[in-house]
């Protein structure tokens, strides 16, 4: 089973334009890991990063149910260095799926 999400463009700035949801998910999954990571978790995360890189300019992103569940949990626990309403919109969108 797959889960398709919108790759909405935001007003959040990036070096090369405005961030899309794929960019925000990549920020979340690329954060340093304090407690370490197993090889199987590393394979899973690198697979998700590959999907995000390939979907960067597409209107939707498709994940397996397991990949999306992992991303949803990471999103729920995410910590941000700025306050912005579009981050809240993004987090709420992911949580609603």
C-alpha atoms as a PDB file:
ATOM      1  CA  UNK A   1       0.000   0.000   0.000  1.00  0.00           C
ATOM      2  CA  UNK A   2       1.282   3.471  -0.830  1.00  0.00           C
ATOM      3  CA  UNK A   3       0.682   6.930   0.550  1.00  0.00           C
ATOM      4  CA  UNK A   4       0.694   9.955  -1.748  1.00  0.00           C
ATOM      5  CA  UNK A   5       1.221  13.413  -0.339  1.00  0.00           C
ATOM      6  CA  UNK A   6       1.087  16.871  -1.856  1.00  0.00           C
ATOM      7  CA  UNK A   7       4.456  18.509  -2.565  1.00  0.00           C
ATOM      8  CA  UNK A   8       3.176  22.014  -1.882  1.00  0.00           C
ATOM      9  CA  UNK A   9       5.405  25.042  -2.386  1.00  0.00           C
ATOM     10  CA  UNK A  10       5.795  27.325   0.636  1.00  0.00           C
ATOM     11  CA  UNK A  11       7.137  30.827   1.160  1.00  0.00           C
ATOM     12  CA  UNK A  12       9.984  29.447   3.282  1.00  0.00           C
ATOM     13  CA  UNK A  13      13.270  30.479   1.640  1.00  0.00           C
ATOM     14  CA  UNK A  14      15.889  28.061   0.340  1.00  0.00           C
ATOM     15  CA  UNK A  15      19.180  28.856  -1.386  1.00  0.00           C
ATOM     16  CA  UNK A  16      17.608  28.207  -4.799  1.00  0.00           C
ATOM     17  CA  UNK A  17      14.068  29.488  -4.268  1.00  0.00           C
ATOM     18  CA  UNK A  18      11.182  28.532  -2.022  1.00  0.00           C
ATOM     19  CA  UNK A  19      10.899  25.300  -0.034  1.00  0.00           C
ATOM     20  CA  UNK A  20       8.437  22.598  -0.986  1.00  0.00           C
ATOM     21  CA  UNK A  21       7.134  19.872   1.316  1.00  0.00           C
ATOM     22  CA  UNK A  22       9.804  17.492  -0.052  1.00  0.00           C
ATOM     23  CA  UNK A  23      12.453  19.961   1.140  1.00  0.00           C
ATOM     24  CA  UNK A  24      10.896  20.176   4.606  1.00  0.00           C
ATOM     25  CA  UNK A  25      10.744  16.386   4.896  1.00  0.00           C
ATOM     26  CA  UNK A  26      14.376  16.176   3.839  1.00  0.00           C
ATOM     27  CA  UNK A  27      15.354  18.686   6.546  1.00  0.00           C
ATOM     28  CA  UNK A  28      13.597  16.480   9.096  1.00  0.00           C
ATOM     29  CA  UNK A  29      15.108  13.170   7.980  1.00  0.00           C
ATOM     30  CA  UNK A  30      18.615  14.635   7.457  1.00  0.00           C
ATOM     31  CA  UNK A  31      18.947  15.915  11.046  1.00  0.00           C
ATOM     32  CA  UNK A  32      21.871  14.445  12.989  1.00  0.00           C
ATOM     33  CA  UNK A  33      20.971  11.413  15.071  1.00  0.00           C
ATOM     34  CA  UNK A  34      21.960  11.692  18.731  1.00  0.00           C
ATOM     35  CA  UNK A  35      21.478   8.069  19.722  1.00  0.00           C
ATOM     36  CA  UNK A  36      22.876   6.398  16.598  1.00  0.00           C
ATOM     37  CA  UNK A  37      21.194   4.441  13.834  1.00  0.00           C
ATOM     38  CA  UNK A  38      21.133   0.799  12.791  1.00  0.00           C
ATOM     39  CA  UNK A  39      22.085  -0.315   9.296  1.00  0.00           C
ATOM     40  CA  UNK A  40      18.458  -1.221   8.498  1.00  0.00           C
ATOM     41  CA  UNK A  41      17.285   2.215   9.685  1.00  0.00           C
ATOM     42  CA  UNK A  42      20.018   3.810   7.586  1.00  0.00           C
ATOM     43  CA  UNK A  43      18.864   1.877   4.494  1.00  0.00           C
ATOM     44  CA  UNK A  44      15.258   2.958   5.134  1.00  0.00           C
ATOM     45  CA  UNK A  45      16.219   6.607   5.581  1.00  0.00           C
ATOM     46  CA  UNK A  46      18.481   6.688   2.520  1.00  0.00           C
ATOM     47  CA  UNK A  47      15.623   5.157   0.503  1.00  0.00           C
ATOM     48  CA  UNK A  48      13.317   7.941   1.710  1.00  0.00           C
ATOM     49  CA  UNK A  49      15.939  10.604   0.909  1.00  0.00           C
ATOM     50  CA  UNK A  50      16.237   9.161  -2.609  1.00  0.00           C
ATOM     51  CA  UNK A  51      12.449   9.406  -3.061  1.00  0.00           C
ATOM     52  CA  UNK A  52      12.485  13.012  -1.817  1.00  0.00           C
ATOM     53  CA  UNK A  53      15.337  13.960  -4.166  1.00  0.00           C
ATOM     54  CA  UNK A  54      13.546  12.412  -7.166  1.00  0.00           C
ATOM     55  CA  UNK A  55      10.229  14.052  -6.219  1.00  0.00           C
ATOM     56  CA  UNK A  56      11.610  17.505  -5.455  1.00  0.00           C
ATOM     57  CA  UNK A  57       9.946  19.223  -8.432  1.00  0.00           C
ATOM     58  CA  UNK A  58       6.885  16.969  -8.724  1.00  0.00           C
ATOM     59  CA  UNK A  59       3.418  17.918  -7.458  1.00  0.00           C
ATOM     60  CA  UNK A  60       3.063  14.765  -5.350  1.00  0.00           C
ATOM     61  CA  UNK A  61       5.337  12.352  -3.495  1.00  0.00           C
ATOM     62  CA  UNK A  62       4.585   8.656  -3.098  1.00  0.00           C
ATOM     63  CA  UNK A  63       5.789   6.583  -0.148  1.00  0.00           C
ATOM     64  CA  UNK A  64       5.156   3.079   1.093  1.00  0.00           C
ATOM     65  CA  UNK A  65       2.907   2.947   4.160  1.00  0.00           C
ATOM     66  CA  UNK A  66       5.934   2.104   6.333  1.00  0.00           C
ATOM     67  CA  UNK A  67       8.009   4.995   4.939  1.00  0.00           C
ATOM     68  CA  UNK A  68       5.173   7.445   5.487  1.00  0.00           C
ATOM     69  CA  UNK A  69       4.556   6.216   9.033  1.00  0.00           C
ATOM     70  CA  UNK A  70       8.230   6.827   9.826  1.00  0.00           C
ATOM     71  CA  UNK A  71       8.147  10.316   8.269  1.00  0.00           C
ATOM     72  CA  UNK A  72       4.924  11.195  10.093  1.00  0.00           C
ATOM     73  CA  UNK A  73       6.514  10.251  13.420  1.00  0.00           C
ATOM     74  CA  UNK A  74       9.661  12.241  12.650  1.00  0.00           C
ATOM     75  CA  UNK A  75       7.514  15.223  11.609  1.00  0.00           C
ATOM     76  CA  UNK A  76       5.514  15.021  14.831  1.00  0.00           C
ATOM     77  CA  UNK A  77       8.757  15.129  16.852  1.00  0.00           C
ATOM     78  CA  UNK A  78      10.527  17.726  14.682  1.00  0.00           C
ATOM     79  CA  UNK A  79      12.261  20.761  16.153  1.00  0.00           C
ATOM     80  CA  UNK A  80      12.658  23.925  14.085  1.00  0.00           C
ATOM     81  CA  UNK A  81      15.024  26.872  14.352  1.00  0.00           C
ATOM     82  CA  UNK A  82      12.393  29.414  13.281  1.00  0.00           C
ATOM     83  CA  UNK A  83       8.726  30.219  13.874  1.00  0.00           C
ATOM     84  CA  UNK A  84       6.604  30.211  10.725  1.00  0.00           C
ATOM     85  CA  UNK A  85       2.935  29.538  10.080  1.00  0.00           C
ATOM     86  CA  UNK A  86       3.755  27.423   7.013  1.00  0.00           C
ATOM     87  CA  UNK A  87       5.754  25.018   9.171  1.00  0.00           C
ATOM     88  CA  UNK A  88       2.646  24.586  11.310  1.00  0.00           C
ATOM     89  CA  UNK A  89       0.538  24.083   8.154  1.00  0.00           C
ATOM     90  CA  UNK A  90       3.003  21.431   6.931  1.00  0.00           C
ATOM     91  CA  UNK A  91       3.117  19.566  10.272  1.00  0.00           C
ATOM     92  CA  UNK A  92      -0.675  19.667  10.564  1.00  0.00           C
ATOM     93  CA  UNK A  93      -1.067  18.412   6.965  1.00  0.00           C
ATOM     94  CA  UNK A  94       1.213  15.429   7.562  1.00  0.00           C
ATOM     95  CA  UNK A  95      -0.571  14.643  10.844  1.00  0.00           C
ATOM     96  CA  UNK A  96      -3.962  14.734   9.093  1.00  0.00           C
ATOM     97  CA  UNK A  97      -3.065  11.943   6.654  1.00  0.00           C
END
